[in-house]
Protein backbone atom coordinates (compact mmCIF):
# COMPACT_ATOMS: atom_id res chain seq x y z
CA VAL A 1 21.86 56.73 39.68
CA GLN A 2 19.39 59.20 41.13
CA LEU A 3 15.62 59.02 41.38
CA VAL A 4 13.93 62.13 42.73
CA GLU A 5 10.23 62.26 43.46
CA SER A 6 8.13 65.39 43.67
CA GLY A 7 4.51 66.46 43.75
CA GLY A 8 3.42 65.18 47.12
CA GLY A 9 1.32 67.19 49.50
CA LEU A 10 -1.79 67.45 51.63
CA VAL A 11 -5.11 66.95 49.86
CA GLN A 12 -8.66 66.08 50.75
CA ALA A 13 -10.43 62.83 50.07
CA GLY A 14 -11.67 62.70 46.51
CA ASP A 15 -8.95 65.01 45.22
CA SER A 16 -6.33 64.19 42.61
CA LEU A 17 -2.57 64.51 42.71
CA ARG A 18 0.20 63.77 40.25
CA LEU A 19 3.60 62.63 41.43
CA SER A 20 6.70 62.89 39.29
CA CYS A 21 9.97 61.00 39.40
CA ALA A 22 13.04 62.36 37.66
CA ALA A 23 15.67 59.76 36.81
CA SER A 24 19.33 60.35 36.02
CA GLY A 25 22.48 58.28 35.68
CA LEU A 26 20.85 55.29 33.99
CA PRO A 27 19.63 54.40 30.49
CA PHE A 28 16.09 55.31 31.46
CA SER A 29 14.31 53.87 28.43
CA ARG A 30 15.75 50.44 29.25
CA TYR A 31 14.37 50.34 32.77
CA VAL A 32 11.01 49.22 34.13
CA MET A 33 9.80 51.88 36.52
CA GLY A 34 7.68 51.27 39.56
CA TRP A 35 5.91 53.12 42.33
CA PHE A 36 5.70 51.96 45.93
CA ARG A 37 4.25 53.46 49.07
CA GLN A 38 4.84 53.09 52.78
CA ALA A 39 2.37 54.20 55.42
CA PRO A 40 3.53 54.90 59.00
CA GLY A 41 4.17 51.68 60.87
CA LYS A 42 3.54 49.52 57.80
CA GLU A 43 5.64 47.72 55.25
CA ARG A 44 6.34 49.17 51.83
CA ASP A 45 3.66 48.17 49.33
CA PHE A 46 3.78 47.86 45.58
CA VAL A 47 1.58 50.41 43.80
CA GLY A 48 2.30 49.71 40.14
CA GLN A 49 4.87 49.54 37.39
CA ILE A 50 5.34 50.42 33.74
CA ASN A 51 7.47 48.75 31.08
CA TRP A 52 10.22 50.32 29.02
CA SER A 53 8.05 51.67 26.26
CA GLY A 54 5.13 52.65 28.43
CA ASP A 55 2.57 50.44 26.74
CA ASN A 56 2.20 47.97 29.57
CA THR A 57 1.31 48.68 33.17
CA ASN A 58 0.06 46.76 36.15
CA TYR A 59 -1.27 47.90 39.48
CA ALA A 60 -2.08 46.77 42.98
CA ASP A 61 -5.76 45.97 43.41
CA SER A 62 -6.09 48.74 45.98
CA VAL A 63 -5.34 51.45 43.37
CA LYS A 64 -6.57 49.86 40.16
CA GLY A 65 -8.93 52.18 38.33
CA ARG A 66 -7.82 55.21 40.38
CA PHE A 67 -4.09 55.46 39.74
CA THR A 68 -2.30 55.65 36.38
CA ILE A 69 1.41 55.37 35.71
CA SER A 70 2.95 56.96 32.63
CA ARG A 71 6.44 57.82 31.47
CA ASP A 72 8.24 60.20 29.14
CA ASN A 73 11.45 58.60 27.98
CA ALA A 74 12.59 61.80 26.26
CA LYS A 75 12.54 63.57 29.63
CA ASN A 76 13.61 60.62 31.82
CA MET A 77 10.42 61.06 33.83
CA VAL A 78 7.80 58.72 35.25
CA TYR A 79 4.50 59.89 36.66
CA LEU A 80 1.85 58.61 39.03
CA GLN A 81 -1.56 60.17 38.49
CA MET A 82 -3.72 59.56 41.55
CA ASN A 83 -7.45 60.22 41.37
CA ASP A 84 -10.23 59.86 43.92
CA LEU A 85 -7.70 59.80 46.74
CA LYS A 86 -8.71 58.18 50.03
CA PRO A 87 -7.29 58.63 53.54
CA GLU A 88 -5.83 55.12 53.28
CA ASP A 89 -3.66 56.33 50.40
CA THR A 90 -1.68 58.41 52.88
CA ALA A 91 1.94 57.28 52.66
CA VAL A 92 5.40 58.13 51.45
CA TYR A 93 5.50 57.34 47.75
CA SER A 94 8.73 56.24 46.11
CA CYS A 95 9.70 55.43 42.59
CA ALA A 96 12.04 52.60 41.70
CA ALA A 97 13.85 51.20 38.66
CA LYS A 98 14.77 47.74 37.47
CA THR A 99 15.93 46.19 34.23
CA SER A 100 13.06 43.78 33.68
CA TYR A 101 9.77 42.59 35.15
CA GLY A 102 11.26 39.39 36.51
CA ARG A 103 13.91 41.07 38.61
CA PRO A 104 13.87 42.97 41.90
CA PHE A 105 14.08 46.73 41.76
CA ASP A 106 17.66 47.97 41.69
CA TYR A 107 17.32 51.68 42.46
CA TRP A 108 15.05 53.66 44.75
CA GLY A 109 14.15 57.28 45.34
CA GLN A 110 13.80 58.91 48.72
CA GLY A 111 10.08 59.39 48.45
CA THR A 112 7.50 62.14 48.68
CA GLN A 113 4.80 62.43 51.31
CA VAL A 114 1.16 62.23 50.33
CA THR A 115 -1.41 62.95 53.02
CA VAL A 116 -5.11 62.59 52.35
CA SER A 117 -7.48 64.09 54.89
CA SER A 118 -11.04 62.89 55.32
């Protein structure tokens, strides 16, 4: 199983950025996909997740209303659209996969750096 994130970079506060995660080696449409982030010196935090079909999502309060997760099962891709970025959003963002909401995540990507300058 491989999860590969892309799309990170350096942006200014208020900008938007879209992260992508390409999945391979698993039946993608059967997996719940999530996004996490880890800032320097801090623990990894949950950002949000999306169900198998893409019609149900949930988010951390800190990103609700600004971030949107979507997926394309035909392409084995999951996306994280980030709007109105803030300096506190600076972190390494990783995608993850699990078989159902009630379980821990089984697979993780390496992450992509997002830096938001003020």
